[in-house]
Amino acid sequence: MLQISIIIITYNRPGDTLELLQSIGQLEDPDNLLKEVILLNNASASNYTAVKEFIRLHPGNKIRFIDAPVNLGVSAGRNFAAAKATG
């Protein structure tokens, strides 16, 4: 089965991001579906410590957290994250 990469761009929404990652973690048979989840923090001012802790505690979820050097906007953010995808 072909595995996919999910790209998520977040900006100042750590609570919603954490909720989304928890939902992804509950997918049925994620190992066959997901190659990785790439989470791009688009230079948020909000604290993402809870999100990073969730990722650290759930290494099987295959989540890669990336901090953008500056706010790239939506299109450039997608391109930046897509260039890092392997799925």
N, C-alpha and C. Protein backbone atom coordinates (compact mmCIF):
# COMPACT_ATOMS: atom_id res chain seq x y z
N MET A 1 0.84 -1.18 0.00
CA MET A 1 0.00 0.00 0.00
C MET A 1 0.89 1.25 0.00
N LEU A 2 0.51 2.23 -0.75
CA LEU A 2 1.23 3.50 -0.84
C LEU A 2 0.99 4.31 0.43
N GLN A 3 2.07 4.74 1.06
CA GLN A 3 1.95 5.56 2.26
C GLN A 3 2.02 7.03 1.90
N ILE A 4 1.31 7.84 2.67
CA ILE A 4 1.24 9.27 2.37
C ILE A 4 1.90 10.10 3.48
N SER A 5 2.26 11.30 3.11
CA SER A 5 2.69 12.31 4.07
C SER A 5 1.55 13.30 4.25
N ILE A 6 1.25 13.63 5.49
CA ILE A 6 0.28 14.67 5.79
C ILE A 6 1.07 15.91 6.18
N ILE A 7 0.76 17.03 5.57
CA ILE A 7 1.43 18.29 5.89
C ILE A 7 0.43 19.19 6.59
N ILE A 8 0.84 19.66 7.77
CA ILE A 8 0.01 20.56 8.57
C ILE A 8 0.81 21.83 8.81
N ILE A 9 0.22 22.97 8.51
CA ILE A 9 0.85 24.25 8.80
C ILE A 9 0.05 24.88 9.93
N THR A 10 0.74 25.32 10.96
CA THR A 10 0.07 25.91 12.10
C THR A 10 0.64 27.28 12.42
N TYR A 11 -0.24 28.15 12.89
CA TYR A 11 0.18 29.50 13.29
C TYR A 11 -0.68 29.94 14.46
N ASN A 12 -0.08 30.02 15.64
CA ASN A 12 -0.75 30.49 16.85
C ASN A 12 -2.00 29.70 17.22
N ARG A 13 -1.99 28.39 16.99
CA ARG A 13 -3.13 27.55 17.34
C ARG A 13 -2.65 26.24 17.97
N PRO A 14 -1.90 26.31 19.07
CA PRO A 14 -1.37 25.08 19.65
C PRO A 14 -2.45 24.13 20.17
N GLY A 15 -3.53 24.66 20.72
CA GLY A 15 -4.61 23.80 21.22
C GLY A 15 -5.27 23.00 20.10
N ASP A 16 -5.60 23.68 19.02
CA ASP A 16 -6.21 23.00 17.87
C ASP A 16 -5.24 22.00 17.25
N THR A 17 -3.97 22.38 17.22
CA THR A 17 -2.95 21.50 16.63
C THR A 17 -2.81 20.23 17.46
N LEU A 18 -2.79 20.37 18.76
CA LEU A 18 -2.69 19.21 19.64
C LEU A 18 -3.90 18.30 19.45
N GLU A 19 -5.07 18.88 19.38
CA GLU A 19 -6.29 18.10 19.16
C GLU A 19 -6.23 17.33 17.83
N LEU A 20 -5.74 17.99 16.79
CA LEU A 20 -5.61 17.35 15.48
C LEU A 20 -4.63 16.18 15.54
N LEU A 21 -3.49 16.38 16.19
CA LEU A 21 -2.50 15.30 16.28
C LEU A 21 -3.05 14.12 17.08
N GLN A 22 -3.83 14.40 18.11
CA GLN A 22 -4.45 13.32 18.87
C GLN A 22 -5.43 12.54 18.00
N SER A 23 -6.17 13.24 17.16
CA SER A 23 -7.10 12.57 16.24
C SER A 23 -6.36 11.70 15.22
N ILE A 24 -5.26 12.22 14.68
CA ILE A 24 -4.46 11.45 13.73
C ILE A 24 -3.93 10.19 14.41
N GLY A 25 -3.56 10.31 15.68
CA GLY A 25 -3.06 9.16 16.43
C GLY A 25 -4.09 8.08 16.63
N GLN A 26 -5.36 8.39 16.45
CA GLN A 26 -6.43 7.41 16.62
C GLN A 26 -6.89 6.78 15.31
N LEU A 27 -6.20 7.08 14.23
CA LEU A 27 -6.55 6.48 12.94
C LEU A 27 -6.46 4.96 13.02
N GLU A 28 -7.30 4.31 12.29
CA GLU A 28 -7.26 2.85 12.22
C GLU A 28 -6.11 2.43 11.31
N ASP A 29 -5.19 1.66 11.84
CA ASP A 29 -4.03 1.12 11.11
C ASP A 29 -3.17 2.21 10.47
N PRO A 30 -2.69 3.17 11.26
CA PRO A 30 -1.92 4.29 10.69
C PRO A 30 -0.60 3.86 10.07
N ASP A 31 -0.02 2.75 10.52
CA ASP A 31 1.26 2.32 9.97
C ASP A 31 1.18 1.98 8.49
N ASN A 32 0.04 1.49 8.04
CA ASN A 32 -0.12 1.18 6.62
C ASN A 32 -0.49 2.41 5.80
N LEU A 33 -1.02 3.42 6.44
CA LEU A 33 -1.48 4.61 5.73
C LEU A 33 -0.43 5.71 5.70
N LEU A 34 0.20 5.97 6.85
CA LEU A 34 1.05 7.15 6.98
C LEU A 34 2.54 6.86 6.87
N LYS A 35 3.18 7.60 6.03
CA LYS A 35 4.64 7.62 5.99
C LYS A 35 5.14 8.56 7.08
N GLU A 36 4.45 9.71 7.21
CA GLU A 36 4.83 10.71 8.20
C GLU A 36 3.77 11.80 8.27
N VAL A 37 3.84 12.55 9.34
CA VAL A 37 3.06 13.78 9.48
C VAL A 37 4.09 14.89 9.66
N ILE A 38 4.07 15.86 8.78
CA ILE A 38 4.98 16.99 8.88
C ILE A 38 4.19 18.17 9.42
N LEU A 39 4.61 18.65 10.57
CA LEU A 39 3.95 19.77 11.22
C LEU A 39 4.87 20.98 11.16
N LEU A 40 4.46 21.98 10.41
CA LEU A 40 5.26 23.19 10.25
C LEU A 40 4.69 24.29 11.13
N ASN A 41 5.46 24.72 12.11
CA ASN A 41 5.10 25.87 12.93
C ASN A 41 5.56 27.11 12.18
N ASN A 42 4.61 27.86 11.67
CA ASN A 42 4.89 28.98 10.77
C ASN A 42 5.24 30.25 11.55
N ALA A 43 6.29 30.17 12.37
CA ALA A 43 6.80 31.29 13.18
C ALA A 43 5.75 31.85 14.12
N SER A 44 5.04 30.96 14.80
CA SER A 44 4.02 31.36 15.76
C SER A 44 4.62 32.07 16.95
N ALA A 45 3.82 32.94 17.57
CA ALA A 45 4.21 33.58 18.82
C ALA A 45 3.71 32.76 20.01
N SER A 46 2.79 31.83 19.77
CA SER A 46 2.21 31.01 20.83
C SER A 46 3.17 29.91 21.26
N ASN A 47 2.95 29.41 22.47
CA ASN A 47 3.77 28.37 23.06
C ASN A 47 3.30 26.99 22.58
N TYR A 48 4.19 26.25 21.94
CA TYR A 48 3.87 24.92 21.42
C TYR A 48 4.50 23.81 22.25
N THR A 49 4.80 24.08 23.52
CA THR A 49 5.43 23.07 24.38
C THR A 49 4.56 21.83 24.51
N ALA A 50 3.26 21.98 24.69
CA ALA A 50 2.37 20.82 24.84
C ALA A 50 2.36 19.98 23.57
N VAL A 51 2.40 20.62 22.42
CA VAL A 51 2.44 19.90 21.14
C VAL A 51 3.74 19.12 21.02
N LYS A 52 4.85 19.77 21.33
CA LYS A 52 6.15 19.10 21.27
C LYS A 52 6.23 17.93 22.25
N GLU A 53 5.64 18.10 23.42
CA GLU A 53 5.65 17.03 24.42
C GLU A 53 4.81 15.84 23.93
N PHE A 54 3.67 16.12 23.31
CA PHE A 54 2.84 15.05 22.74
C PHE A 54 3.63 14.27 21.70
N ILE A 55 4.33 14.97 20.84
CA ILE A 55 5.13 14.33 19.79
C ILE A 55 6.22 13.47 20.42
N ARG A 56 6.88 13.99 21.44
CA ARG A 56 7.95 13.25 22.10
C ARG A 56 7.42 11.98 22.76
N LEU A 57 6.24 12.05 23.34
CA LEU A 57 5.67 10.90 24.04
C LEU A 57 5.02 9.88 23.10
N HIS A 58 4.84 10.22 21.85
CA HIS A 58 4.19 9.32 20.88
C HIS A 58 5.04 9.19 19.62
N PRO A 59 6.24 8.63 19.74
CA PRO A 59 7.13 8.54 18.57
C PRO A 59 6.57 7.65 17.46
N GLY A 60 5.68 6.76 17.78
CA GLY A 60 5.08 5.88 16.77
C GLY A 60 4.15 6.61 15.82
N ASN A 61 3.77 7.84 16.16
CA ASN A 61 2.87 8.61 15.29
C ASN A 61 3.58 9.23 14.10
N LYS A 62 4.90 9.13 14.07
CA LYS A 62 5.70 9.59 12.92
C LYS A 62 5.49 11.07 12.61
N ILE A 63 5.49 11.89 13.63
CA ILE A 63 5.29 13.32 13.46
C ILE A 63 6.64 14.02 13.46
N ARG A 64 6.87 14.84 12.45
CA ARG A 64 8.09 15.66 12.36
C ARG A 64 7.70 17.11 12.57
N PHE A 65 8.17 17.71 13.65
CA PHE A 65 7.88 19.10 13.97
C PHE A 65 9.00 19.96 13.40
N ILE A 66 8.62 20.95 12.62
CA ILE A 66 9.60 21.85 12.01
C ILE A 66 9.20 23.28 12.34
N ASP A 67 10.16 24.06 12.84
CA ASP A 67 9.95 25.49 13.06
C ASP A 67 10.40 26.24 11.82
N ALA A 68 9.50 26.99 11.20
CA ALA A 68 9.89 27.83 10.06
C ALA A 68 10.74 28.99 10.57
N PRO A 69 11.74 29.39 9.81
CA PRO A 69 12.61 30.48 10.25
C PRO A 69 11.88 31.83 10.33
N VAL A 70 10.89 32.02 9.48
CA VAL A 70 10.03 33.21 9.47
C VAL A 70 8.64 32.74 9.03
N ASN A 71 7.64 33.61 9.18
CA ASN A 71 6.32 33.25 8.70
C ASN A 71 6.35 33.23 7.17
N LEU A 72 6.14 32.06 6.61
CA LEU A 72 6.25 31.87 5.17
C LEU A 72 4.93 32.09 4.44
N GLY A 73 3.86 32.27 5.16
CA GLY A 73 2.55 32.33 4.53
C GLY A 73 2.09 30.92 4.17
N VAL A 74 0.92 30.84 3.61
CA VAL A 74 0.34 29.52 3.32
C VAL A 74 1.06 28.82 2.17
N SER A 75 1.15 29.45 1.03
CA SER A 75 1.73 28.79 -0.15
C SER A 75 3.19 28.42 0.04
N ALA A 76 3.99 29.38 0.47
CA ALA A 76 5.41 29.09 0.68
C ALA A 76 5.61 28.10 1.82
N GLY A 77 4.74 28.16 2.83
CA GLY A 77 4.81 27.19 3.91
C GLY A 77 4.54 25.77 3.43
N ARG A 78 3.55 25.62 2.58
CA ARG A 78 3.26 24.30 2.00
C ARG A 78 4.44 23.80 1.18
N ASN A 79 4.99 24.67 0.36
CA ASN A 79 6.14 24.27 -0.46
C ASN A 79 7.34 23.91 0.40
N PHE A 80 7.59 24.67 1.45
CA PHE A 80 8.70 24.41 2.36
C PHE A 80 8.53 23.04 3.00
N ALA A 81 7.34 22.75 3.50
CA ALA A 81 7.09 21.46 4.14
C ALA A 81 7.08 20.31 3.13
N ALA A 82 6.50 20.54 1.97
CA ALA A 82 6.46 19.48 0.94
C ALA A 82 7.84 19.06 0.50
N ALA A 83 8.77 19.99 0.49
CA ALA A 83 10.15 19.66 0.11
C ALA A 83 10.80 18.72 1.11
N LYS A 84 10.27 18.65 2.32
CA LYS A 84 10.80 17.78 3.36
C LYS A 84 10.08 16.44 3.43
N ALA A 85 9.02 16.29 2.68
CA ALA A 85 8.22 15.06 2.71
C ALA A 85 8.90 13.90 1.99
N THR A 86 8.68 12.72 2.51
CA THR A 86 9.23 11.51 1.88
C THR A 86 8.14 10.57 1.41
N GLY A 87 6.88 10.88 1.71
CA GLY A 87 5.78 10.01 1.32
C GLY A 87 5.13 10.46 0.04
